[in-house]
Amino acid sequence: QVQLVESGGGLVQAGGSLSLSCAASGRTFSRNVMAWFRQAPGKEREFVAAISWRGSNIYYADSVKGRFTISRDNAKQTVYLQMNSLKPEDTAVYYCAADSAAYRWPPRQNKYEYDYWGQGTQVTVSS
């Protein structure tokens, strides 16, 4: 059974930092793009960042560029999202996702093109 499990969410003040993790099990994703999405209340799930299979290529949404950093450790089957300079508009449930196709780049930004999802972790940024 394939599982993606996010952790690290919480409540933080504006300007603060949080680090999210996503641990995969049940299969290896070392040949696949891994991504983070987020969904705020009443809004569509939106793309945040993606990283290629070896971590050599990274892509960010404009809204988080320069503040968020995605990384991965294939030996640990884990992908990370370091979030700095957080803003209230970053408040959302953050989801980890894996592209089922191997070696596909540029990354898909459409949520419907990802087959594997975590359960999500809440990030709340207070003003």
Foldseek 3Di string as FASTA:
>chain_A
DKAWAKDWADEEAAQAKTKMKIAIDDDAQLQWKKFKWWDDPPDDIWGAKIAGSVRPDIDGDPVQPPFKDWDDDRVRRMIMIIGGRDDQVVWTWMKMFIQPDGPDPPDDTDPVRTDHIHPTDTHGYHD
